[in-house]
Protein backbone atom coordinates (compact mmCIF):
# COMPACT_ATOMS: atom_id res chain seq x y z
CA MET A 1 95.53 31.97 -22.26
CA ARG A 2 94.36 30.42 -18.97
CA THR A 3 91.55 27.88 -18.93
CA SER A 4 89.53 26.68 -15.96
CA ILE A 5 90.06 23.08 -14.85
CA HIS A 6 86.36 23.00 -14.00
CA GLY A 7 85.12 23.54 -17.56
CA GLN A 8 83.60 26.36 -19.58
CA TRP A 9 80.10 27.54 -20.49
CA SER A 10 79.07 26.12 -23.87
CA SER A 11 77.70 29.49 -25.01
CA ARG A 12 77.31 33.10 -24.02
CA TRP A 13 73.57 32.61 -23.40
CA ILE A 14 74.17 29.72 -21.04
CA PHE A 15 76.48 32.01 -19.04
CA ILE A 16 73.80 34.72 -19.01
CA LEU A 17 71.17 32.20 -17.88
CA ALA A 18 73.50 30.90 -15.15
CA ALA A 19 74.57 34.34 -13.91
CA THR A 20 70.98 35.57 -14.04
CA GLY A 21 69.96 32.45 -12.13
CA SER A 22 72.58 33.29 -9.52
CA ALA A 23 71.25 36.83 -9.27
CA VAL A 24 67.56 35.95 -9.46
CA GLY A 25 66.39 34.27 -6.30
CA LEU A 26 64.62 34.84 -3.02
CA GLY A 27 66.18 38.32 -3.06
CA ASN A 28 63.98 39.26 -6.01
CA ILE A 29 60.73 37.49 -5.28
CA TRP A 30 60.70 37.33 -1.48
CA ARG A 31 63.03 40.08 -0.28
CA PHE A 32 62.44 42.87 -2.84
CA PRO A 33 58.62 43.08 -2.45
CA TYR A 34 58.68 43.17 1.34
CA LEU A 35 61.54 45.71 1.45
CA THR A 36 59.62 47.83 -1.06
CA GLY A 37 56.54 47.60 1.15
CA GLU A 38 58.49 48.50 4.30
CA ASN A 39 60.45 51.40 2.78
CA GLY A 40 58.14 53.62 0.79
CA GLY A 41 57.05 51.78 -2.36
CA GLY A 42 58.05 53.63 -5.53
CA ALA A 43 60.55 55.85 -3.68
CA PHE A 44 62.47 52.76 -2.55
CA VAL A 45 62.33 51.29 -6.07
CA LEU A 46 63.86 54.48 -7.46
CA VAL A 47 66.74 54.40 -4.98
CA TYR A 48 67.25 50.68 -5.62
CA LEU A 49 67.53 51.24 -9.38
CA LEU A 50 70.11 54.01 -8.81
CA CYS A 51 72.16 51.65 -6.62
CA VAL A 52 72.04 48.97 -9.33
CA ILE A 53 73.15 51.36 -12.08
CA MET A 54 75.76 53.39 -10.21
CA MET A 55 77.27 50.71 -7.99
CA GLY A 56 75.93 47.27 -8.88
CA ILE A 57 76.72 47.01 -12.60
CA PRO A 58 80.27 48.46 -12.46
CA ILE A 59 81.26 46.15 -9.60
CA MET A 60 79.64 43.16 -11.30
CA MET A 61 81.75 43.88 -14.39
CA ALA A 62 84.84 43.97 -12.16
CA GLU A 63 83.99 40.63 -10.52
CA ILE A 64 83.49 38.89 -13.85
CA LEU A 65 86.71 40.49 -15.11
CA LEU A 66 88.63 39.06 -12.16
CA GLY A 67 87.01 35.65 -12.50
CA ARG A 68 87.76 35.27 -16.20
CA ARG A 69 91.32 36.50 -15.83
CA GLY A 70 92.08 34.16 -12.91
CA ARG A 71 90.09 31.10 -14.09
CA LYS A 72 90.11 29.63 -10.57
CA SER A 73 88.10 29.75 -7.34
CA PRO A 74 87.78 33.31 -5.94
CA ILE A 75 90.45 32.59 -3.32
CA ASN A 76 93.04 31.28 -5.77
CA THR A 77 92.04 33.83 -8.41
CA MET A 78 92.81 36.74 -6.10
CA GLU A 79 96.14 35.21 -5.06
CA THR A 80 97.12 34.54 -8.69
CA LEU A 81 96.14 38.02 -9.93
CA ALA A 82 97.84 39.74 -6.99
CA ALA A 83 101.07 37.90 -7.89
CA GLU A 84 100.73 38.91 -11.55
CA GLU A 85 100.32 42.56 -10.62
CA GLY A 86 103.15 42.49 -8.07
CA LEU A 87 100.77 42.97 -5.14
CA ASN A 88 100.59 41.48 -1.67
CA PRO A 89 99.38 37.82 -1.78
CA ASN A 90 97.09 38.58 1.15
CA TRP A 91 94.57 39.77 -1.44
CA ARG A 92 93.48 36.13 -1.39
CA PHE A 93 91.53 37.10 1.75
CA LEU A 94 89.21 39.10 -0.49
CA GLY A 95 88.40 35.78 -2.14
CA TRP A 96 87.88 34.23 1.29
CA LEU A 97 85.53 37.09 2.23
CA GLY A 98 83.36 36.39 -0.80
CA VAL A 99 83.33 32.62 -0.34
CA LEU A 100 82.53 32.97 3.36
CA ALA A 101 79.73 35.49 2.70
CA GLY A 102 78.19 33.21 0.09
CA PHE A 103 78.52 30.22 2.42
CA ILE A 104 76.75 32.01 5.29
CA ILE A 105 74.01 33.21 2.93
CA LEU A 106 73.54 29.68 1.59
CA SER A 107 73.16 28.30 5.13
CA TYR A 108 70.13 30.48 5.95
CA TYR A 109 68.95 30.73 2.35
CA SER A 110 68.39 26.98 2.36
CA VAL A 111 66.16 27.22 5.43
CA ILE A 112 63.99 29.94 3.84
CA ALA A 113 63.90 27.95 0.60
CA GLY A 114 62.68 25.01 2.66
CA TRP A 115 59.67 27.11 3.67
CA THR A 116 58.77 27.50 -0.01
CA ILE A 117 58.78 23.72 -0.53
CA ALA A 118 56.60 23.25 2.57
CA PHE A 119 54.17 25.88 1.29
CA ILE A 120 53.87 24.16 -2.10
CA PHE A 121 52.43 21.13 -0.30
CA LYS A 122 50.38 23.18 2.18
CA THR A 123 48.79 25.13 -0.66
CA GLY A 124 48.20 22.03 -2.76
CA MET A 125 46.49 20.29 0.16
CA GLY A 126 44.06 23.21 0.52
CA ASP A 127 45.33 24.47 3.88
CA PHE A 128 44.70 28.09 2.85
CA VAL A 129 41.24 27.74 1.29
CA GLY A 130 39.05 30.36 2.97
CA ALA A 131 41.77 31.14 5.51
CA ASN A 132 41.90 34.51 7.30
CA ALA A 133 44.93 36.39 8.62
CA GLU A 134 44.81 34.65 11.99
CA GLN A 135 44.76 31.22 10.38
CA THR A 136 47.62 31.86 7.94
CA THR A 137 49.67 33.37 10.77
CA THR A 138 49.06 30.24 12.83
CA ILE A 139 50.08 27.98 9.93
CA PHE A 140 53.30 29.94 9.37
CA SER A 141 54.06 30.12 13.09
CA GLU A 142 53.59 26.38 13.47
CA LEU A 143 56.02 25.80 10.60
CA ILE A 144 58.86 27.97 11.92
CA SER A 145 58.32 26.92 15.54
CA SER A 146 59.02 23.29 14.67
CA PRO A 147 62.79 22.63 14.39
CA GLY A 148 62.21 19.13 13.07
CA ILE A 149 60.05 20.28 10.16
CA LEU A 150 62.41 23.15 9.32
CA LEU A 151 65.39 20.82 9.34
CA PHE A 152 63.58 18.31 7.13
CA TRP A 153 62.82 20.83 4.37
CA HIS A 154 66.23 22.49 4.82
CA SER A 155 67.84 19.06 4.27
CA ILE A 156 65.76 18.35 1.16
CA PHE A 157 66.67 21.68 -0.40
CA MET A 158 70.36 21.40 0.42
CA PHE A 159 70.46 17.89 -1.05
CA ILE A 160 69.03 18.95 -4.43
CA THR A 161 71.51 21.84 -4.50
CA ILE A 162 74.45 19.52 -3.80
CA ARG A 163 73.31 17.09 -6.51
CA VAL A 164 73.42 19.76 -9.21
CA VAL A 165 76.78 21.20 -8.14
CA SER A 166 78.36 17.74 -7.88
CA ARG A 167 77.71 17.13 -11.59
CA GLY A 168 79.98 19.98 -12.70
CA VAL A 169 79.60 22.79 -15.23
CA SER A 170 78.20 20.98 -18.24
CA GLY A 171 76.60 18.01 -16.49
CA GLY A 172 74.96 19.91 -13.65
CA LEU A 173 75.00 23.71 -13.80
CA GLU A 174 74.16 24.05 -17.51
CA ARG A 175 71.40 21.44 -17.44
CA ALA A 176 69.82 23.02 -14.38
CA VAL A 177 69.76 26.59 -15.67
CA LYS A 178 68.54 25.53 -19.13
CA PHE A 179 65.37 24.27 -17.46
CA LEU A 180 65.01 26.34 -14.31
CA MET A 181 65.47 29.86 -15.72
CA PRO A 182 62.96 29.62 -18.61
CA ALA A 183 60.51 27.88 -16.25
CA LEU A 184 60.95 30.64 -13.68
CA PHE A 185 60.20 33.39 -16.22
CA VAL A 186 57.14 31.54 -17.55
CA LEU A 187 55.73 30.99 -14.06
CA LEU A 188 56.32 34.63 -13.15
CA LEU A 189 54.55 35.84 -16.29
CA VAL A 190 51.58 33.61 -15.45
CA MET A 191 51.40 35.26 -12.01
CA VAL A 192 51.62 38.72 -13.60
CA GLY A 193 48.81 37.71 -15.96
CA TYR A 194 46.65 36.85 -12.97
CA ALA A 195 47.54 40.13 -11.23
CA MET A 196 46.34 42.01 -14.33
CA SER A 197 42.87 40.55 -13.80
CA THR A 198 42.56 41.84 -10.22
CA GLU A 199 40.55 44.92 -9.26
CA LYS A 200 43.51 46.81 -7.81
CA PHE A 201 46.03 46.16 -10.60
CA LEU A 202 46.50 49.87 -11.31
CA ASP A 203 46.83 50.64 -7.59
CA GLY A 204 49.64 48.09 -7.41
CA LEU A 205 51.40 49.70 -10.38
CA LYS A 206 51.07 53.18 -8.87
CA TYR A 207 52.48 51.97 -5.56
CA LEU A 208 55.42 50.35 -7.30
CA PHE A 209 56.29 52.99 -9.89
CA ILE A 210 55.10 56.38 -8.60
CA PRO A 211 57.34 57.58 -5.75
CA ASP A 212 55.42 58.92 -2.77
CA PHE A 213 58.04 60.96 -0.97
CA ASN A 214 55.53 61.86 1.76
CA SER A 215 55.77 58.26 2.90
CA LEU A 216 59.42 58.92 3.74
CA ALA A 217 58.74 61.93 5.98
CA GLU A 218 59.22 59.99 9.20
CA LYS A 219 62.07 57.82 7.93
CA ASN A 220 65.83 58.29 8.01
CA LEU A 221 66.54 58.35 4.27
CA PHE A 222 69.92 56.72 4.59
CA SER A 223 69.40 54.02 7.23
CA ASP A 224 65.76 53.27 6.31
CA VAL A 225 65.87 53.63 2.52
CA PHE A 226 69.39 53.93 1.02
CA LEU A 227 71.04 51.26 3.19
CA PRO A 228 68.35 48.60 2.53
CA ALA A 229 68.36 49.53 -1.17
CA LEU A 230 72.14 49.19 -1.35
CA GLY A 231 72.08 45.87 0.48
CA GLN A 232 69.30 44.66 -1.81
CA ALA A 233 71.24 45.67 -4.94
CA PHE A 234 74.32 43.73 -3.81
CA PHE A 235 72.27 40.78 -2.53
CA SER A 236 70.13 40.57 -5.66
CA LEU A 237 73.03 40.84 -8.13
CA SER A 238 75.09 38.30 -6.14
CA ILE A 239 77.89 40.84 -5.73
CA GLY A 240 80.64 40.24 -3.16
CA MET A 241 79.82 36.58 -2.51
CA GLY A 242 82.13 34.87 -5.01
CA ALA A 243 79.29 33.52 -7.15
CA ILE A 244 79.61 35.93 -10.07
CA MET A 245 83.41 35.70 -9.94
CA ILE A 246 83.41 31.90 -10.22
CA TYR A 247 80.82 31.97 -13.02
CA GLY A 248 83.03 34.50 -14.80
CA SER A 249 85.90 32.02 -14.64
CA TYR A 250 83.92 29.70 -16.93
CA LEU A 251 83.28 32.47 -19.50
CA SER A 252 85.01 32.28 -22.88
CA LYS A 253 87.54 34.95 -23.81
CA ASP A 254 85.56 36.22 -26.81
CA SER A 255 82.37 36.93 -24.83
CA SER A 256 81.76 40.59 -23.93
CA ILE A 257 81.73 41.21 -20.18
CA THR A 258 80.08 44.62 -20.61
CA SER A 259 77.09 43.50 -22.67
CA ASN A 260 76.67 40.36 -20.58
CA CYS A 261 76.54 42.40 -17.36
CA PHE A 262 73.89 44.74 -18.72
CA VAL A 263 71.76 41.81 -19.89
CA ILE A 264 72.10 40.11 -16.49
CA ALA A 265 71.30 43.30 -14.56
CA ILE A 266 68.29 44.05 -16.77
CA ALA A 267 67.00 40.48 -16.43
CA ASP A 268 67.56 40.46 -12.66
CA THR A 269 65.89 43.83 -12.13
CA SER A 270 63.03 42.85 -14.45
CA VAL A 271 62.32 39.77 -12.32
CA ALA A 272 62.22 41.90 -9.17
CA ILE A 273 59.88 44.41 -10.83
CA LEU A 274 57.69 41.65 -12.28
CA ALA A 275 57.50 40.08 -8.82
CA GLY A 276 56.28 43.43 -7.48
CA ILE A 277 53.74 43.69 -10.31
CA ALA A 278 52.52 40.16 -9.52
CA ILE A 279 52.34 40.65 -5.76
CA PHE A 280 51.16 44.20 -4.95
CA PRO A 281 47.89 44.12 -6.96
CA ILE A 282 46.99 40.92 -5.07
CA VAL A 283 47.94 42.60 -1.78
CA PHE A 284 45.73 45.65 -2.45
CA THR A 285 42.85 43.68 -3.98
CA TYR A 286 42.49 41.55 -0.86
CA GLY A 287 43.04 44.41 1.60
CA LEU A 288 46.42 43.24 2.84
CA ASP A 289 49.21 45.42 4.27
CA PRO A 290 52.18 45.92 1.87
CA SER A 291 54.45 46.64 4.83
CA ASP A 292 53.98 43.22 6.43
CA GLY A 293 57.70 42.51 6.11
CA PRO A 294 59.04 38.97 5.55
CA GLY A 295 55.56 37.65 6.26
CA LEU A 296 54.21 39.39 3.16
CA ILE A 297 54.62 36.22 1.12
CA PHE A 298 54.22 33.52 3.76
CA ILE A 299 51.36 35.07 5.75
CA SER A 300 49.58 37.66 3.60
CA LEU A 301 49.59 36.09 0.13
CA PRO A 302 48.14 32.74 1.26
CA ILE A 303 45.06 34.70 2.38
CA ALA A 304 44.67 35.93 -1.18
CA PHE A 305 45.33 32.48 -2.65
CA GLY A 306 42.66 31.08 -0.32
CA GLN A 307 40.05 33.55 -1.59
CA MET A 308 40.78 33.96 -5.29
CA PRO A 309 39.36 31.77 -8.07
CA PHE A 310 41.76 28.86 -8.80
CA GLY A 311 43.70 30.02 -5.75
CA THR A 312 45.12 26.58 -5.01
CA PHE A 313 46.55 26.38 -8.52
CA PHE A 314 48.04 29.89 -8.48
CA GLY A 315 49.32 29.46 -4.94
CA CYS A 316 51.17 26.25 -5.83
CA LEU A 317 52.48 27.96 -8.96
CA PHE A 318 53.79 30.90 -6.94
CA PHE A 319 55.63 28.80 -4.38
CA ILE A 320 57.09 26.55 -7.09
CA LEU A 321 58.34 29.75 -8.74
CA LEU A 322 59.89 30.85 -5.46
CA MET A 323 61.56 27.46 -4.97
CA PHE A 324 63.01 27.51 -8.50
CA ALA A 325 64.39 31.01 -7.94
CA ALA A 326 66.02 29.93 -4.68
CA TRP A 327 67.49 26.82 -6.31
CA THR A 328 69.27 28.68 -9.12
CA SER A 329 70.87 31.01 -6.56
CA SER A 330 71.85 28.33 -4.05
CA ILE A 331 73.75 26.45 -6.76
CA SER A 332 75.95 29.49 -7.36
CA LEU A 333 76.49 30.04 -3.62
CA LEU A 334 77.88 26.54 -3.11
CA GLU A 335 80.02 26.51 -6.27
CA PRO A 336 82.90 28.81 -5.04
CA ALA A 337 83.59 26.66 -1.97
CA VAL A 338 83.46 23.48 -4.05
CA THR A 339 85.90 24.78 -6.67
CA TRP A 340 88.38 25.78 -3.94
CA LEU A 341 88.26 22.30 -2.41
CA VAL A 342 88.80 20.73 -5.84
CA GLU A 343 91.74 23.04 -6.64
CA SER A 344 93.48 23.28 -3.29
CA LYS A 345 92.64 19.98 -1.59
CA LYS A 346 92.66 17.86 -4.78
CA MET A 347 89.22 16.42 -4.02
CA SER A 348 86.84 15.01 -6.59
CA ARG A 349 83.96 17.36 -7.39
CA ILE A 350 81.43 14.94 -5.91
CA LYS A 351 83.31 14.64 -2.61
CA ALA A 352 83.89 18.42 -2.43
CA SER A 353 80.21 19.11 -3.10
CA TYR A 354 79.00 16.85 -0.32
CA ILE A 355 81.58 18.08 2.20
CA ALA A 356 80.89 21.78 1.51
CA GLY A 357 77.15 21.15 1.37
CA PHE A 358 77.20 19.28 4.69
CA ILE A 359 79.06 22.14 6.40
CA ALA A 360 76.54 24.65 5.00
CA TRP A 361 73.74 22.37 6.18
CA LEU A 362 75.20 22.31 9.70
CA LEU A 363 75.41 26.11 9.74
CA GLY A 364 71.81 26.21 8.54
CA VAL A 365 70.78 24.29 11.65
CA LEU A 366 71.63 27.45 13.64
CA THR A 367 69.23 29.42 11.45
CA ALA A 368 66.48 26.83 11.82
CA LEU A 369 66.83 26.99 15.62
CA SER A 370 66.90 30.80 15.63
CA PHE A 371 63.17 30.84 14.82
CA ASN A 372 62.23 28.77 17.86
CA TYR A 373 64.51 27.41 20.60
CA TRP A 374 67.33 29.92 20.10
CA ALA A 375 65.26 32.99 19.19
CA PHE A 376 66.26 36.27 20.83
CA GLU A 377 65.73 39.97 20.22
CA PHE A 378 68.32 42.67 19.57
CA SER A 379 68.35 46.21 18.20
CA PHE A 380 70.07 47.13 14.96
CA ALA A 381 69.99 50.61 13.33
CA GLY A 382 66.93 51.50 15.38
CA ALA A 383 64.96 48.37 14.47
CA ILE A 384 64.14 45.43 16.72
CA LYS A 385 65.21 42.10 15.27
CA GLN A 386 63.52 39.01 16.72
CA ASN A 387 65.08 35.99 15.06
CA GLY A 388 68.52 35.92 16.63
CA LEU A 389 71.21 34.30 14.53
CA PHE A 390 69.16 34.44 11.32
CA ASP A 391 68.95 38.25 11.53
CA ILE A 392 72.62 38.45 12.53
CA PHE A 393 73.64 36.36 9.51
CA ASP A 394 71.43 38.45 7.20
CA ILE A 395 72.74 41.79 8.51
CA LEU A 396 76.37 40.60 8.57
CA THR A 397 76.27 39.44 4.94
CA SER A 398 73.87 41.86 3.20
CA ASN A 399 74.76 45.07 5.02
CA ILE A 400 78.44 44.52 5.81
CA MET A 401 80.26 41.68 4.01
CA LEU A 402 78.79 42.13 0.52
CA PRO A 403 79.31 45.93 0.31
CA LEU A 404 82.77 45.52 1.89
CA GLY A 405 83.70 42.87 -0.66
CA GLY A 406 82.30 44.98 -3.48
CA VAL A 407 84.36 48.01 -2.50
CA LEU A 408 87.54 45.94 -2.20
CA VAL A 409 86.88 44.50 -5.67
CA ALA A 410 86.49 48.07 -6.92
CA ILE A 411 89.77 49.14 -5.28
CA PHE A 412 91.66 46.15 -6.66
CA THR A 413 90.46 46.44 -10.27
CA SER A 414 90.48 50.22 -10.66
CA TRP A 415 93.42 51.32 -8.48
CA LEU A 416 95.77 48.34 -8.28
CA MET A 417 95.42 46.26 -11.43
CA SER A 418 97.20 47.70 -14.41
CA ARG A 419 95.10 49.58 -16.92
CA LYS A 420 96.34 47.15 -19.58
CA SER A 421 94.92 44.16 -17.70
CA THR A 422 91.44 45.65 -17.32
CA VAL A 423 91.38 46.92 -20.91
CA ASP A 424 92.38 43.48 -22.12
CA GLU A 425 89.60 41.69 -20.24
CA LEU A 426 86.79 44.19 -20.87
CA GLY A 427 87.67 44.45 -24.55
CA LEU A 428 86.54 48.08 -24.72
CA GLY A 429 89.87 49.58 -25.76
CA ASP A 430 90.39 53.17 -24.65
CA SER A 431 86.79 54.03 -25.50
CA ILE A 432 84.40 56.36 -23.71
CA ALA A 433 82.60 53.28 -22.31
CA TYR A 434 85.82 52.09 -20.66
CA LYS A 435 86.54 55.55 -19.23
CA ILE A 436 83.01 55.76 -17.79
CA TRP A 437 83.39 52.34 -16.16
CA ARG A 438 86.83 53.17 -14.74
CA PHE A 439 85.68 56.51 -13.32
CA THR A 440 82.52 54.97 -11.86
CA ILE A 441 84.26 52.08 -10.16
CA ARG A 442 87.16 54.25 -8.95
CA TYR A 443 85.08 57.02 -7.41
CA ILE A 444 81.31 56.78 -7.57
CA ALA A 445 80.81 53.17 -6.44
CA PRO A 446 83.10 53.15 -3.37
CA ILE A 447 82.27 56.72 -2.33
CA GLY A 448 78.55 56.01 -2.72
CA VAL A 449 78.80 53.00 -0.44
CA LEU A 450 80.80 55.01 2.13
CA ILE A 451 78.28 57.87 2.17
CA ILE A 452 75.39 55.50 2.76
CA PHE A 453 77.28 53.73 5.54
CA LEU A 454 78.14 57.05 7.19
CA ASN A 455 74.47 57.47 8.08
CA SER A 456 74.24 54.18 9.91
CA ILE A 457 76.96 54.90 12.41
CA ILE A 458 77.13 51.47 14.09
CA VAL A 459 77.47 49.69 10.78
CA PHE A 460 79.84 52.33 9.47
CA ILE A 461 82.25 52.16 12.41
CA PHE A 462 82.36 48.37 12.25
CA TRP A 463 82.68 48.35 8.46
CA LEU A 464 85.37 51.08 8.38
CA THR A 465 87.39 49.37 11.14
CA VAL A 466 87.38 46.10 9.24
CA LEU A 467 88.25 47.89 5.97
CA PHE A 468 91.27 49.64 7.49
CA LYS A 469 92.47 46.41 9.08
CA ILE A 470 92.24 44.66 5.74
CA LEU A 471 93.98 47.47 3.90
CA PHE A 472 96.72 47.49 6.55
CA ILE A 473 97.24 43.73 6.12
CA LEU A 474 97.41 44.20 2.37
CA LYS A 475 99.88 47.09 2.82
CA ILE A 476 98.29 49.14 0.06
CA ASN A 477 100.08 52.29 1.15
CA SER A 478 103.46 50.67 0.63
CA LEU A 479 102.70 49.89 -3.02
CA GLY A 480 103.23 53.48 -4.07
CA SER A 481 103.37 54.10 -7.77
CA LYS A 482 103.59 50.38 -8.45
CA GLY A 483 99.93 49.91 -7.52
CA PHE A 484 98.15 53.24 -7.66
CA GLY A 485 98.12 55.34 -10.80
CA LYS A 486 98.90 52.54 -13.21
């Protein structure tokens, strides 16, 4: 049986905490609430949950399966498994796609995470006490318009991420998630407790859980609701970015992939829902607009924190929570690149961590500048994007690279890997559960992604062109009965 040279999780629950930490991040607490507000409230939540169940969980199971079977970085895992199955070695580019997607996400993720650290101090210093919308907008605008300040907080956040990753599985990753994940849940529950005391708590629950399909009357269901929900499901579950695959490589052979995935998905989705429960009652109580977009947290909520009793305390608590969530995810985004450098370039983990982290930091400089000096507008799927390279990076990864990577993982595990290999790793035998997973990942997950992409024609054409080029390189058609139908 293969073992990872990087170590192994000491227990199943540490793996669950780590994988949940990878999944839980800004995507849950920053991205999910504002996407929900922009795309129809409860109706968006319903579509998001369907994407998680029908596409997210099956592909997550496949990623962990590949990671545990290969026991290496995503790049080397895909090359090793392709060789075992008698497939084209170019499948290693699927590993590269995931590592690159995660690396790009980390570069801009660190900049946004830097905002959360800045807002901890701004809130603690009383900057938002009695502030109105104009004042909080000015504070936020001053922050993102200053490259020097953005780069300072971006550097701080990237440094603490590198420090954890450089210490390895047991010395860094395990210690971090043992503290950060329980702390994150406790802080979130405290925020939910406060939300329950607000006047509009029930209005927030109704907005979040009761679909109002009338709100979708003027929207394109696929490009305005299904596509963002799909991207959010992949982004939130860390699918297609190499993080879940590398964490799976540290999982012991006797730990159930199926039950672990369901626990992770439930925990991840619960955090997103709890974040909505914590945020929307505050939004409605203080007369804010739930469709304020990315500014929902950094512009709207500080107004509420400035007006509520003990607002400085709860505001600091919220932004600490957001920083913790970002930290647990950023660790997993850097890990795949570091493991590849250790394996393929024979570097020490410390050296690999600082080299990979420095490159991600440099790429993050482009994001920091895209909010000020290098800002420009462009149109995408009918919407005007204003933050140049940041929006390009976000669209490229969330709406193209992650779904593309997820579908290729589905194709590899369900159509090309032998049935024996997948049965062996999932440990389900020839049970109904295995048959449901195999059918779902063979047909429902990839077809569902394709249907959603069909309704965003620009994205679809680009995505389909790239997919066919990749499949041509991999020469899937030439595999015949050796690959398909096994």
